Amino acid sequence: MIKIVLDCFGGDKGAAATVGGAAIALRQYGDLALILAGAENKIRAAMQRAGIADSDRVTVLDAPDVIGCDEKPTDAIRLRRDSSMMRAVKLLREDATVAGLVSTGSTGALVAATVLRIGRLRGVWRPAFCPILPTMTGGIVGITDSGANAECKPEALLQYAVMGSRYLTSVYGIAEPRVALLNVGTEAEKGDTLHQEAYKLLAAEKTIRFVGNMESRDLLSGKYDLVVADGFSGNVLVKATEGTALELLKKIKKDIYSSAKYKFGALFMRKMFAEEKAFMNYQNYGGSVMLGAAKTVVKGHGSADATSVAVCIGQAYKMEQSRLAEQIETALAALPDAKND
């Protein structure tokens, strides 16, 4: 049985989305057990609506408080000990039977709690976020880091490439992920000192399939499986891409309703529009996993619905099922100048 604790509050849609997602995941994975953290009375009401009963696979961890997204992360993890997130983190840290944590709450608080309370795998510089987006060829692309570390060093970018490659292979079945370095041009000499030095390290590492630099416009092209970036640049890249997709959907909808002729034509294209909407909806691709943390941590979108939460739980489940943490430690130990700190 793989046991995961779910932070049921902190996201925009509260327990309705998280408990609803839990119900979907429980049906999908027969050896999954969930601990639902949050205000017990609200969770039990949501469980009743979702058709979930107490069992050996579902338990409730009462946590009456909630961390707001506008709170200072270090203050939140110190002062909000009764929050759903911090009680979930405490359980993850102290209970060896609990394998992972899924949360749609404050990103800053979750990063701080992971680093300060959960810790890193041996040899990891700092844990890094890795979200997944769809590509135009029907595949996926991961981006790491996407916000956990605004600044980093070349050796960290190499670690992101190694950890991200293992993740895509173990969870998504991509045998040899094509790894690219986010840069201002595709030429090897492009970029500042950080990117030039990182390029050399990535090119020299034989355990990854490094294919060179990538410009941001090619993120969804299908030419790459993993994009390596510092947390600041990666976060801007992901949010700009997601925002563009959402605004494009709004523009298409607005244009259709602007003309009777367009409305009539849209009737014959309803199936295509539904498929395109599903393709461009980031909710369908889960959350950002935190690669390099001592235990499995997945951060879902604050606006996550039940479908998205279920995908996040599935990500955590598959990371544990594939023993990803052990694979990462082994891979990092083999890197030049590896430090087992």
C-alpha atoms as a PDB file:
ATOM      1  CA  MET A   1       0.000   0.000   0.000  1.00  0.00           C
ATOM      2  CA  ILE A   2       1.324   3.446  -0.960  1.00  0.00           C
ATOM      3  CA  LYS A   3       0.207   6.023   1.592  1.00  0.00           C
ATOM      4  CA  ILE A   4      -0.015   9.721   0.662  1.00  0.00           C
ATOM      5  CA  VAL A   5      -1.146  12.675   2.769  1.00  0.00           C
ATOM      6  CA  LEU A   6      -3.311  15.252   0.976  1.00  0.00           C
ATOM      7  CA  ASP A   7      -3.424  18.880   2.137  1.00  0.00           C
ATOM      8  CA  CYS A   8      -7.118  19.556   1.577  1.00  0.00           C
ATOM      9  CA  PHE A   9      -7.052  23.322   2.100  1.00  0.00           C
ATOM     10  CA  GLY A  10      -5.037  26.265   0.848  1.00  0.00           C
ATOM     11  CA  GLY A  11      -6.156  25.958  -2.775  1.00  0.00           C
ATOM     12  CA  ASP A  12      -8.794  28.204  -4.331  1.00  0.00           C
ATOM     13  CA  LYS A  13     -11.501  25.520  -4.394  1.00  0.00           C
ATOM     14  CA  GLY A  14     -10.976  24.015  -0.938  1.00  0.00           C
ATOM     15  CA  ALA A  15     -12.097  20.551   0.085  1.00  0.00           C
ATOM     16  CA  ALA A  16     -14.584  20.175  -2.772  1.00  0.00           C
ATOM     17  CA  ALA A  17     -11.700  19.882  -5.264  1.00  0.00           C
ATOM     18  CA  THR A  18      -9.184  18.013  -3.118  1.00  0.00           C
ATOM     19  CA  VAL A  19     -11.588  15.440  -1.697  1.00  0.00           C
ATOM     20  CA  GLY A  20     -13.198  15.075  -5.109  1.00  0.00           C
ATOM     21  CA  GLY A  21      -9.750  14.397  -6.556  1.00  0.00           C
ATOM     22  CA  ALA A  22      -9.075  11.903  -3.791  1.00  0.00           C
ATOM     23  CA  ALA A  23     -12.204   9.979  -4.757  1.00  0.00           C
ATOM     24  CA  ILE A  24     -11.038   9.748  -8.380  1.00  0.00           C
ATOM     25  CA  ALA A  25      -7.520   8.630  -7.394  1.00  0.00           C
ATOM     26  CA  LEU A  26      -8.806   5.971  -5.010  1.00  0.00           C
ATOM     27  CA  ARG A  27     -10.774   4.423  -7.852  1.00  0.00           C
ATOM     28  CA  GLN A  28      -7.743   4.518 -10.156  1.00  0.00           C
ATOM     29  CA  TYR A  29      -5.161   2.992  -7.815  1.00  0.00           C
ATOM     30  CA  GLY A  30      -6.203  -0.049  -5.796  1.00  0.00           C
ATOM     31  CA  ASP A  31      -3.169  -0.018  -3.481  1.00  0.00           C
ATOM     32  CA  LEU A  32      -3.364   3.708  -2.694  1.00  0.00           C
ATOM     33  CA  ALA A  33      -4.177   4.965   0.817  1.00  0.00           C
ATOM     34  CA  LEU A  34      -4.892   8.633   1.536  1.00  0.00           C
ATOM     35  CA  ILE A  35      -4.751  10.765   4.666  1.00  0.00           C
ATOM     36  CA  LEU A  36      -6.920  13.862   4.252  1.00  0.00           C
ATOM     37  CA  ALA A  37      -5.539  16.827   6.226  1.00  0.00           C
ATOM     38  CA  GLY A  38      -7.745  19.772   7.164  1.00  0.00           C
ATOM     39  CA  ALA A  39     -10.762  20.838   9.208  1.00  0.00           C
ATOM     40  CA  GLU A  40     -12.361  17.488   9.986  1.00  0.00           C
ATOM     41  CA  ASN A  41     -15.993  18.590   9.816  1.00  0.00           C
ATOM     42  CA  LYS A  42     -15.518  20.128   6.358  1.00  0.00           C
ATOM     43  CA  ILE A  43     -13.554  17.144   5.076  1.00  0.00           C
ATOM     44  CA  ARG A  44     -16.181  14.658   6.247  1.00  0.00           C
ATOM     45  CA  ALA A  45     -18.926  16.701   4.591  1.00  0.00           C
ATOM     46  CA  ALA A  46     -16.924  16.695   1.356  1.00  0.00           C
ATOM     47  CA  MET A  47     -16.289  12.950   1.717  1.00  0.00           C
ATOM     48  CA  GLN A  48     -20.020  12.324   1.972  1.00  0.00           C
ATOM     49  CA  ARG A  49     -20.668  14.345  -1.181  1.00  0.00           C
ATOM     50  CA  ALA A  50     -17.868  12.500  -3.015  1.00  0.00           C
ATOM     51  CA  GLY A  51     -19.056   9.072  -1.875  1.00  0.00           C
ATOM     52  CA  ILE A  52     -15.970   8.299   0.244  1.00  0.00           C
ATOM     53  CA  ALA A  53     -16.372   6.339   3.476  1.00  0.00           C
ATOM     54  CA  ASP A  54     -13.883   5.770   6.295  1.00  0.00           C
ATOM     55  CA  SER A  55     -11.836   2.668   5.588  1.00  0.00           C
ATOM     56  CA  ASP A  56      -8.337   1.294   5.846  1.00  0.00           C
ATOM     57  CA  ARG A  57      -7.559   3.363   2.726  1.00  0.00           C
ATOM     58  CA  VAL A  58      -8.946   6.732   3.905  1.00  0.00           C
ATOM     59  CA  THR A  59      -8.327   8.534   7.180  1.00  0.00           C
ATOM     60  CA  VAL A  60      -8.718  12.150   8.318  1.00  0.00           C
ATOM     61  CA  LEU A  61      -6.013  14.262   9.972  1.00  0.00           C
ATOM     62  CA  ASP A  62      -7.755  17.144  11.755  1.00  0.00           C
ATOM     63  CA  ALA A  63      -6.072  20.506  11.080  1.00  0.00           C
ATOM     64  CA  PRO A  64      -8.293  23.525  11.729  1.00  0.00           C
ATOM     65  CA  ASP A  65      -5.987  26.252  10.387  1.00  0.00           C
ATOM     66  CA  VAL A  66      -5.059  27.278   6.816  1.00  0.00           C
ATOM     67  CA  ILE A  67      -1.973  29.062   5.453  1.00  0.00           C
ATOM     68  CA  GLY A  68      -2.870  31.975   3.208  1.00  0.00           C
ATOM     69  CA  CYS A  69      -0.973  32.507  -0.041  1.00  0.00           C
ATOM     70  CA  ASP A  70      -0.138  36.077   0.984  1.00  0.00           C
ATOM     71  CA  GLU A  71       1.647  35.050   4.187  1.00  0.00           C
ATOM     72  CA  LYS A  72       5.437  35.143   4.535  1.00  0.00           C
ATOM     73  CA  PRO A  73       6.548  31.507   4.103  1.00  0.00           C
ATOM     74  CA  THR A  74       8.966  31.347   7.048  1.00  0.00           C
ATOM     75  CA  ASP A  75       6.390  32.925   9.371  1.00  0.00           C
ATOM     76  CA  ALA A  76       3.673  30.604   8.094  1.00  0.00           C
ATOM     77  CA  ILE A  77       5.581  27.384   8.786  1.00  0.00           C
ATOM     78  CA  ARG A  78       6.622  28.674  12.218  1.00  0.00           C
ATOM     79  CA  LEU A  79       3.301  30.097  13.404  1.00  0.00           C
ATOM     80  CA  ARG A  80       0.709  28.013  11.547  1.00  0.00           C
ATOM     81  CA  ARG A  81       1.541  24.654  13.067  1.00  0.00           C
ATOM     82  CA  ASP A  82      -2.126  23.644  13.153  1.00  0.00           C
ATOM     83  CA  SER A  83      -2.612  24.364   9.455  1.00  0.00           C
ATOM     84  CA  SER A  84      -3.479  21.575   7.044  1.00  0.00           C
ATOM     85  CA  MET A  85      -0.163  21.990   5.245  1.00  0.00           C
ATOM     86  CA  MET A  86       2.069  21.962   8.302  1.00  0.00           C
ATOM     87  CA  ARG A  87       0.314  19.019   9.955  1.00  0.00           C
ATOM     88  CA  ALA A  88       0.640  17.144   6.670  1.00  0.00           C
ATOM     89  CA  VAL A  89       4.348  18.023   6.490  1.00  0.00           C
ATOM     90  CA  LYS A  90       4.870  16.947  10.109  1.00  0.00           C
ATOM     91  CA  LEU A  91       3.200  13.603   9.432  1.00  0.00           C
ATOM     92  CA  LEU A  92       5.265  13.091   6.286  1.00  0.00           C
ATOM     93  CA  ARG A  93       8.481  13.801   8.186  1.00  0.00           C
ATOM     94  CA  GLU A  94       7.724  11.686  11.259  1.00  0.00           C
ATOM     95  CA  ASP A  95       5.774   8.712   9.888  1.00  0.00           C
ATOM     96  CA  ALA A  96       7.931   6.354   7.833  1.00  0.00           C
ATOM     97  CA  THR A  97       4.824   4.692   6.386  1.00  0.00           C
ATOM     98  CA  VAL A  98       3.712   7.926   4.710  1.00  0.00           C
ATOM     99  CA  ALA A  99       5.394   8.132   1.310  1.00  0.00           C
ATOM    100  CA  GLY A 100       4.369  11.503  -0.090  1.00  0.00           C
ATOM    101  CA  LEU A 101       2.483  14.772   0.171  1.00  0.00           C
ATOM    102  CA  VAL A 102       0.214  16.574  -2.302  1.00  0.00           C
ATOM    103  CA  SER A 103      -0.791  20.203  -1.734  1.00  0.00           C
ATOM    104  CA  THR A 104      -2.479  22.982  -3.693  1.00  0.00           C
ATOM    105  CA  GLY A 105      -1.645  25.561  -1.021  1.00  0.00           C
ATOM    106  CA  SER A 106       0.953  28.319  -0.757  1.00  0.00           C
ATOM    107  CA  THR A 107       3.947  27.599  -2.996  1.00  0.00           C
ATOM    108  CA  GLY A 108       6.345  29.604  -0.844  1.00  0.00           C
ATOM    109  CA  ALA A 109       5.264  27.873   2.348  1.00  0.00           C
ATOM    110  CA  LEU A 110       5.500  24.438   0.751  1.00  0.00           C
ATOM    111  CA  VAL A 111       9.014  25.117  -0.579  1.00  0.00           C
ATOM    112  CA  ALA A 112      10.165  26.423   2.790  1.00  0.00           C
ATOM    113  CA  ALA A 113       8.576  23.525   4.664  1.00  0.00           C
ATOM    114  CA  THR A 114      10.097  20.987   2.283  1.00  0.00           C
ATOM    115  CA  VAL A 115      13.598  22.441   2.582  1.00  0.00           C
ATOM    116  CA  LEU A 116      13.494  23.104   6.342  1.00  0.00           C
ATOM    117  CA  ARG A 117      11.325  20.220   7.574  1.00  0.00           C
ATOM    118  CA  ILE A 118      11.610  17.418   5.010  1.00  0.00           C
ATOM    119  CA  GLY A 119      15.136  18.029   3.737  1.00  0.00           C
ATOM    120  CA  ARG A 120      17.016  16.903   0.633  1.00  0.00           C
ATOM    121  CA  LEU A 121      18.133  13.632  -0.811  1.00  0.00           C
ATOM    122  CA  ARG A 122      21.823  12.937  -0.364  1.00  0.00           C
ATOM    123  CA  GLY A 123      23.895  14.923  -2.843  1.00  0.00           C
ATOM    124  CA  VAL A 124      21.102  17.300  -3.929  1.00  0.00           C
ATOM    125  CA  TRP A 125      22.029  20.990  -4.101  1.00  0.00           C
ATOM    126  CA  ARG A 126      18.425  22.168  -3.684  1.00  0.00           C
ATOM    127  CA  PRO A 127      15.090  20.557  -4.579  1.00  0.00           C
ATOM    128  CA  ALA A 128      13.591  21.849  -7.840  1.00  0.00           C
ATOM    129  CA  PHE A 129      10.064  22.060  -9.212  1.00  0.00           C
ATOM    130  CA  CYS A 130       9.244  20.172 -12.419  1.00  0.00           C
ATOM    131  CA  PRO A 131       5.811  20.801 -14.000  1.00  0.00           C
ATOM    132  CA  ILE A 132       4.588  19.077 -17.170  1.00  0.00           C
ATOM    133  CA  LEU A 133       3.082  20.713 -20.273  1.00  0.00           C
ATOM    134  CA  PRO A 134       1.739  19.182 -23.517  1.00  0.00           C
ATOM    135  CA  THR A 135       3.533  19.486 -26.847  1.00  0.00           C
ATOM    136  CA  MET A 136       2.235  19.965 -30.379  1.00  0.00           C
ATOM    137  CA  THR A 137       3.287  16.429 -31.299  1.00  0.00           C
ATOM    138  CA  GLY A 138       1.094  14.825 -28.651  1.00  0.00           C
ATOM    139  CA  GLY A 139       3.840  14.310 -26.092  1.00  0.00           C
ATOM    140  CA  ILE A 140       4.855  16.187 -22.955  1.00  0.00           C
ATOM    141  CA  VAL A 141       7.693  18.444 -21.853  1.00  0.00           C
ATOM    142  CA  GLY A 142       8.986  18.967 -18.316  1.00  0.00           C
ATOM    143  CA  ILE A 143      10.519  22.231 -17.073  1.00  0.00           C
ATOM    144  CA  THR A 144      12.926  22.212 -14.142  1.00  0.00           C
ATOM    145  CA  ASP A 145      13.425  24.352 -12.177  1.00  0.00           C
ATOM    146  CA  SER A 146      10.222  26.389 -12.426  1.00  0.00           C
ATOM    147  CA  GLY A 147      10.304  28.455  -9.263  1.00  0.00           C
ATOM    148  CA  ALA A 148      11.925  26.785  -6.268  1.00  0.00           C
ATOM    149  CA  ASN A 149      15.362  28.415  -6.753  1.00  0.00           C
ATOM    150  CA  ALA A 150      15.504  31.862  -8.344  1.00  0.00           C
ATOM    151  CA  GLU A 151      19.295  31.732  -8.498  1.00  0.00           C
ATOM    152  CA  CYS A 152      21.566  28.746  -8.939  1.00  0.00           C
ATOM    153  CA  LYS A 153      24.959  27.600 -10.174  1.00  0.00           C
ATOM    154  CA  PRO A 154      25.941  25.541 -13.242  1.00  0.00           C
ATOM    155  CA  GLU A 155      26.316  22.352 -11.182  1.00  0.00           C
ATOM    156  CA  ALA A 156      22.724  22.745  -9.999  1.00  0.00           C
ATOM    157  CA  LEU A 157      21.468  22.939 -13.578  1.00  0.00           C
ATOM    158  CA  LEU A 158      23.286  19.684 -14.260  1.00  0.00           C
ATOM    159  CA  GLN A 159      21.534  18.107 -11.275  1.00  0.00           C
ATOM    160  CA  TYR A 160      18.165  19.357 -12.554  1.00  0.00           C
ATOM    161  CA  ALA A 161      18.862  17.659 -15.876  1.00  0.00           C
ATOM    162  CA  VAL A 162      19.749  14.360 -14.220  1.00  0.00           C
ATOM    163  CA  MET A 163      16.814  14.402 -11.791  1.00  0.00           C
ATOM    164  CA  GLY A 164      14.343  15.489 -14.449  1.00  0.00           C
ATOM    165  CA  SER A 165      15.511  12.792 -16.852  1.00  0.00           C
ATOM    166  CA  ARG A 166      15.012  10.089 -14.219  1.00  0.00           C
ATOM    167  CA  TYR A 167      11.561  11.468 -13.438  1.00  0.00           C
ATOM    168  CA  LEU A 168      10.386  11.455 -17.060  1.00  0.00           C
ATOM    169  CA  THR A 169      11.699   7.930 -17.570  1.00  0.00           C
ATOM    170  CA  SER A 170      10.257   6.483 -14.349  1.00  0.00           C
ATOM    171  CA  VAL A 171       6.841   8.179 -14.325  1.00  0.00           C
ATOM    172  CA  TYR A 172       6.138   8.832 -18.014  1.00  0.00           C
ATOM    173  CA  GLY A 173       8.097   6.041 -19.690  1.00  0.00           C
ATOM    174  CA  ILE A 174      10.313   8.270 -21.862  1.00  0.00           C
ATOM    175  CA  ALA A 175      13.377   6.084 -22.410  1.00  0.00           C
ATOM    176  CA  GLU A 176      15.953   8.751 -23.298  1.00  0.00           C
ATOM    177  CA  PRO A 177      14.534  12.214 -22.586  1.00  0.00           C
ATOM    178  CA  ARG A 178      15.890  14.937 -24.871  1.00  0.00           C
ATOM    179  CA  VAL A 179      17.296  17.588 -22.541  1.00  0.00           C
ATOM    180  CA  ALA A 180      17.635  21.245 -23.540  1.00  0.00           C
ATOM    181  CA  LEU A 181      19.006  24.291 -21.717  1.00  0.00           C
ATOM    182  CA  LEU A 182      16.738  27.354 -21.777  1.00  0.00           C
ATOM    183  CA  ASN A 183      18.721  30.177 -23.345  1.00  0.00           C
ATOM    184  CA  VAL A 184      18.459  33.286 -25.528  1.00  0.00           C
ATOM    185  CA  GLY A 185      19.674  31.414 -28.612  1.00  0.00           C
ATOM    186  CA  THR A 186      20.453  27.904 -29.781  1.00  0.00           C
ATOM    187  CA  GLU A 187      24.183  28.445 -30.384  1.00  0.00           C
ATOM    188  CA  ALA A 188      26.502  26.861 -27.802  1.00  0.00           C
ATOM    189  CA  GLU A 189      28.201  30.180 -26.953  1.00  0.00           C
ATOM    190  CA  LYS A 190      24.944  32.030 -26.222  1.00  0.00           C
ATOM    191  CA  GLY A 191      23.969  33.395 -22.824  1.00  0.00           C
ATOM    192  CA  ASP A 192      25.730  34.646 -19.730  1.00  0.00           C
ATOM    193  CA  THR A 193      28.488  32.905 -17.792  1.00  0.00           C
ATOM    194  CA  LEU A 194      26.003  30.693 -15.916  1.00  0.00           C
ATOM    195  CA  HIS A 195      24.504  29.303 -19.105  1.00  0.00           C
ATOM    196  CA  GLN A 196      27.808  28.951 -20.935  1.00  0.00           C
ATOM    197  CA  GLU A 197      29.297  26.946 -18.061  1.00  0.00           C
ATOM    198  CA  ALA A 198      26.113  24.906 -17.643  1.00  0.00           C
ATOM    199  CA  TYR A 199      26.147  24.091 -21.349  1.00  0.00           C
ATOM    200  CA  LYS A 200      29.635  22.587 -21.030  1.00  0.00           C
ATOM    201  CA  LEU A 201      28.620  20.464 -18.035  1.00  0.00           C
ATOM    202  CA  LEU A 202      25.470  19.205 -19.722  1.00  0.00           C
ATOM    203  CA  ALA A 203      27.284  18.395 -22.953  1.00  0.00           C
ATOM    204  CA  ALA A 204      29.931  16.408 -21.091  1.00  0.00           C
ATOM    205  CA  GLU A 205      27.485  14.330 -19.022  1.00  0.00           C
ATOM    206  CA  LYS A 206      26.973  10.956 -20.727  1.00  0.00           C
ATOM    207  CA  THR A 207      24.047   9.772 -18.579  1.00  0.00           C
ATOM    208  CA  ILE A 208      21.683  12.329 -20.098  1.00  0.00           C
ATOM    209  CA  ARG A 209      20.692  13.035 -23.696  1.00  0.00           C
ATOM    210  CA  PHE A 210      21.620  16.704 -24.019  1.00  0.00           C
ATOM    211  CA  VAL A 211      20.528  18.232 -27.337  1.00  0.00           C
ATOM    212  CA  GLY A 212      21.662  21.838 -26.843  1.00  0.00           C
ATOM    213  CA  ASN A 213      20.085  25.210 -26.099  1.00  0.00           C
ATOM    214  CA  MET A 214      16.391  25.970 -26.566  1.00  0.00           C
ATOM    215  CA  GLU A 215      14.680  29.288 -27.198  1.00  0.00           C
ATOM    216  CA  SER A 216      11.458  29.816 -25.242  1.00  0.00           C
ATOM    217  CA  ARG A 217       9.298  29.892 -28.386  1.00  0.00           C
ATOM    218  CA  ASP A 218      10.080  26.201 -28.981  1.00  0.00           C
ATOM    219  CA  LEU A 219       8.878  24.941 -25.599  1.00  0.00           C
ATOM    220  CA  LEU A 220       5.781  23.194 -26.975  1.00  0.00           C
ATOM    221  CA  SER A 221       7.300  22.205 -30.322  1.00  0.00           C
ATOM    222  CA  GLY A 222       7.818  18.560 -29.382  1.00  0.00           C
ATOM    223  CA  LYS A 223      11.553  18.755 -30.059  1.00  0.00           C
ATOM    224  CA  TYR A 224      12.403  18.468 -26.359  1.00  0.00           C
ATOM    225  CA  ASP A 225      11.302  16.327 -23.402  1.00  0.00           C
ATOM    226  CA  LEU A 226      12.977  18.292 -20.601  1.00  0.00           C
ATOM    227  CA  VAL A 227      13.961  21.953 -20.373  1.00  0.00           C
ATOM    228  CA  VAL A 228      16.526  22.949 -17.754  1.00  0.00           C
ATOM    229  CA  ALA A 229      16.396  26.461 -16.305  1.00  0.00           C
ATOM    230  CA  ASP A 230      17.056  28.502 -13.208  1.00  0.00           C
ATOM    231  CA  GLY A 231      13.910  28.906 -11.112  1.00  0.00           C
ATOM    232  CA  PHE A 232      13.282  32.521 -12.098  1.00  0.00           C
ATOM    233  CA  SER A 233      13.483  31.962 -15.858  1.00  0.00           C
ATOM    234  CA  GLY A 234      11.649  28.643 -15.678  1.00  0.00           C
ATOM    235  CA  ASN A 235       8.782  30.140 -13.696  1.00  0.00           C
ATOM    236  CA  VAL A 236       8.377  32.995 -16.179  1.00  0.00           C
ATOM    237  CA  LEU A 237       8.466  30.500 -19.062  1.00  0.00           C
ATOM    238  CA  VAL A 238       5.769  28.243 -17.598  1.00  0.00           C
ATOM    239  CA  LYS A 239       3.413  31.035 -16.551  1.00  0.00           C
ATOM    240  CA  ALA A 240       3.775  32.893 -19.844  1.00  0.00           C
ATOM    241  CA  THR A 241       3.000  29.716 -21.772  1.00  0.00           C
ATOM    242  CA  GLU A 242       0.005  28.771 -19.609  1.00  0.00           C
ATOM    243  CA  GLY A 243      -1.312  32.333 -19.721  1.00  0.00           C
ATOM    244  CA  THR A 244      -1.001  32.517 -23.489  1.00  0.00           C
ATOM    245  CA  ALA A 245      -2.931  29.275 -23.896  1.00  0.00           C
ATOM    246  CA  LEU A 246      -5.761  30.484 -21.653  1.00  0.00           C
ATOM    247  CA  GLU A 247      -6.017  33.865 -23.357  1.00  0.00           C
ATOM    248  CA  LEU A 248      -6.026  32.220 -26.768  1.00  0.00           C
ATOM    249  CA  LEU A 249      -8.969  30.058 -25.727  1.00  0.00           C
ATOM    250  CA  LYS A 250     -10.828  33.184 -24.589  1.00  0.00           C
ATOM    251  CA  LYS A 251     -10.071  34.898 -27.895  1.00  0.00           C
ATOM    252  CA  ILE A 252     -11.375  31.957 -29.921  1.00  0.00           C
ATOM    253  CA  LYS A 253     -14.576  31.832 -27.860  1.00  0.00           C
ATOM    254  CA  LYS A 254     -15.095  35.581 -28.173  1.00  0.00           C
ATOM    255  CA  ASP A 255     -14.578  35.476 -31.939  1.00  0.00           C
ATOM    256  CA  ILE A 256     -17.020  32.596 -32.387  1.00  0.00           C
ATOM    257  CA  TYR A 257     -19.792  34.499 -30.602  1.00  0.00           C
ATOM    258  CA  SER A 258     -19.087  37.695 -32.548  1.00  0.00           C
ATOM    259  CA  SER A 259     -20.778  36.451 -35.717  1.00  0.00           C
ATOM    260  CA  ALA A 260     -23.764  34.282 -36.582  1.00  0.00           C
ATOM    261  CA  LYS A 261     -21.710  32.791 -39.399  1.00  0.00           C
ATOM    262  CA  TYR A 262     -18.923  31.803 -36.997  1.00  0.00           C
ATOM    263  CA  LYS A 263     -21.456  30.322 -34.558  1.00  0.00           C
ATOM    264  CA  PHE A 264     -22.944  28.187 -37.306  1.00  0.00           C
ATOM    265  CA  GLY A 265     -19.526  26.982 -38.436  1.00  0.00           C
ATOM    266  CA  ALA A 266     -18.559  26.210 -34.832  1.00  0.00           C
ATOM    267  CA  LEU A 267     -21.431  23.727 -34.583  1.00  0.00           C
ATOM    268  CA  PHE A 268     -19.591  21.466 -37.007  1.00  0.00           C
ATOM    269  CA  MET A 269     -16.330  21.861 -35.079  1.00  0.00           C
ATOM    270  CA  ARG A 270     -17.573  21.269 -31.542  1.00  0.00           C
ATOM    271  CA  LYS A 271     -15.593  18.066 -31.107  1.00  0.00           C
ATOM    272  CA  MET A 272     -12.391  19.696 -32.323  1.00  0.00           C
ATOM    273  CA  PHE A 273     -12.872  22.696 -30.040  1.00  0.00           C
ATOM    274  CA  ALA A 274     -13.462  20.369 -27.070  1.00  0.00           C
ATOM    275  CA  GLU A 275     -10.261  18.474 -27.874  1.00  0.00           C
ATOM    276  CA  GLU A 276      -8.258  21.699 -28.224  1.00  0.00           C
ATOM    277  CA  LYS A 277      -9.656  23.006 -24.938  1.00  0.00           C
ATOM    278  CA  ALA A 278      -8.636  19.813 -23.148  1.00  0.00           C
ATOM    279  CA  PHE A 279      -5.188  19.932 -24.780  1.00  0.00           C
ATOM    280  CA  MET A 280      -4.553  23.525 -23.677  1.00  0.00           C
ATOM    281  CA  ASN A 281      -5.963  23.124 -20.161  1.00  0.00           C
ATOM    282  CA  TYR A 282      -3.009  22.829 -17.766  1.00  0.00           C
ATOM    283  CA  GLN A 283      -5.334  21.304 -15.161  1.00  0.00           C
ATOM    284  CA  ASN A 284      -5.136  18.020 -17.072  1.00  0.00           C
ATOM    285  CA  TYR A 285      -1.384  17.678 -16.551  1.00  0.00           C
ATOM    286  CA  GLY A 286      -1.212  17.719 -12.756  1.00  0.00           C
ATOM    287  CA  GLY A 287       1.224  19.725 -10.680  1.00  0.00           C
ATOM    288  CA  SER A 288       4.890  20.414 -10.160  1.00  0.00           C
ATOM    289  CA  VAL A 289       6.798  17.621  -8.469  1.00  0.00           C
ATOM    290  CA  MET A 290       9.640  18.670  -6.185  1.00  0.00           C
ATOM    291  CA  LEU A 291      12.643  16.737  -7.427  1.00  0.00           C
ATOM    292  CA  GLY A 292      15.395  16.118  -4.904  1.00  0.00           C
ATOM    293  CA  ALA A 293      13.310  16.344  -1.729  1.00  0.00           C
ATOM    294  CA  ALA A 294      13.907  13.603   0.845  1.00  0.00           C
ATOM    295  CA  LYS A 295      10.295  12.491   0.411  1.00  0.00           C
ATOM    296  CA  THR A 296       7.829  12.812  -2.444  1.00  0.00           C
ATOM    297  CA  VAL A 297       6.182  16.249  -2.645  1.00  0.00           C
ATOM    298  CA  VAL A 298       3.802  17.433  -5.386  1.00  0.00           C
ATOM    299  CA  LYS A 299       2.537  21.011  -5.640  1.00  0.00           C
ATOM    300  CA  GLY A 300      -0.746  21.363  -7.512  1.00  0.00           C
ATOM    301  CA  HIS A 301      -2.074  24.591  -9.025  1.00  0.00           C
ATOM    302  CA  GLY A 302      -3.879  26.847  -6.564  1.00  0.00           C
ATOM    303  CA  SER A 303      -6.860  26.737  -8.929  1.00  0.00           C
ATOM    304  CA  ALA A 304      -6.737  22.934  -9.250  1.00  0.00           C
ATOM    305  CA  ASP A 305     -10.052  21.164  -9.753  1.00  0.00           C
ATOM    306  CA  ALA A 306     -10.821  17.559  -8.792  1.00  0.00           C
ATOM    307  CA  THR A 307      -9.378  16.201 -12.047  1.00  0.00           C
ATOM    308  CA  SER A 308      -6.120  18.065 -11.545  1.00  0.00           C
ATOM    309  CA  VAL A 309      -5.836  16.962  -7.911  1.00  0.00           C
ATOM    310  CA  ALA A 310      -6.314  13.338  -8.976  1.00  0.00           C
ATOM    311  CA  VAL A 311      -3.490  13.701 -11.507  1.00  0.00           C
ATOM    312  CA  CYS A 312      -1.253  15.189  -8.783  1.00  0.00           C
ATOM    313  CA  ILE A 313      -1.968  12.221  -6.529  1.00  0.00           C
ATOM    314  CA  GLY A 314      -1.176   9.933  -9.449  1.00  0.00           C
ATOM    315  CA  GLN A 315       2.166  11.670  -9.939  1.00  0.00           C
ATOM    316  CA  ALA A 316       3.085  11.105  -6.289  1.00  0.00           C
ATOM    317  CA  TYR A 317       1.890   7.497  -6.462  1.00  0.00           C
ATOM    318  CA  LYS A 318       3.996   6.717  -9.550  1.00  0.00           C
ATOM    319  CA  MET A 319       7.080   8.404  -8.095  1.00  0.00           C
ATOM    320  CA  GLU A 320       6.862   6.103  -5.112  1.00  0.00           C
ATOM    321  CA  GLN A 321       5.976   3.051  -7.157  1.00  0.00           C
ATOM    322  CA  SER A 322       9.094   3.538  -9.315  1.00  0.00           C
ATOM    323  CA  ARG A 323      11.332   4.319  -6.285  1.00  0.00           C
ATOM    324  CA  LEU A 324      12.390   7.534  -7.982  1.00  0.00           C
ATOM    325  CA  ALA A 325      14.218   8.921  -4.945  1.00  0.00           C
ATOM    326  CA  GLU A 326      16.624   5.976  -4.904  1.00  0.00           C
ATOM    327  CA  GLN A 327      17.253   6.375  -8.626  1.00  0.00           C
ATOM    328  CA  ILE A 328      18.068  10.063  -8.185  1.00  0.00           C
ATOM    329  CA  GLU A 329      20.494   9.443  -5.322  1.00  0.00           C
ATOM    330  CA  THR A 330      22.320   6.791  -7.330  1.00  0.00           C
ATOM    331  CA  ALA A 331      22.499   8.985 -10.431  1.00  0.00           C
ATOM    332  CA  LEU A 332      23.768  12.047  -8.556  1.00  0.00           C
ATOM    333  CA  ALA A 333      26.403  10.018  -6.720  1.00  0.00           C
ATOM    334  CA  ALA A 334      27.905   9.104 -10.091  1.00  0.00           C
ATOM    335  CA  LEU A 335      28.328  12.715 -11.220  1.00  0.00           C
ATOM    336  CA  PRO A 336      31.832  14.264 -11.289  1.00  0.00           C
ATOM    337  CA  ASP A 337      32.709  15.953  -7.978  1.00  0.00           C
ATOM    338  CA  ALA A 338      29.556  14.570  -6.358  1.00  0.00           C
ATOM    339  CA  LYS A 339      29.174  15.571  -2.740  1.00  0.00           C
ATOM    340  CA  ASN A 340      27.185  13.263  -0.501  1.00  0.00           C
ATOM    341  CA  ASP A 341      26.104  15.975   1.915  1.00  0.00           C
END
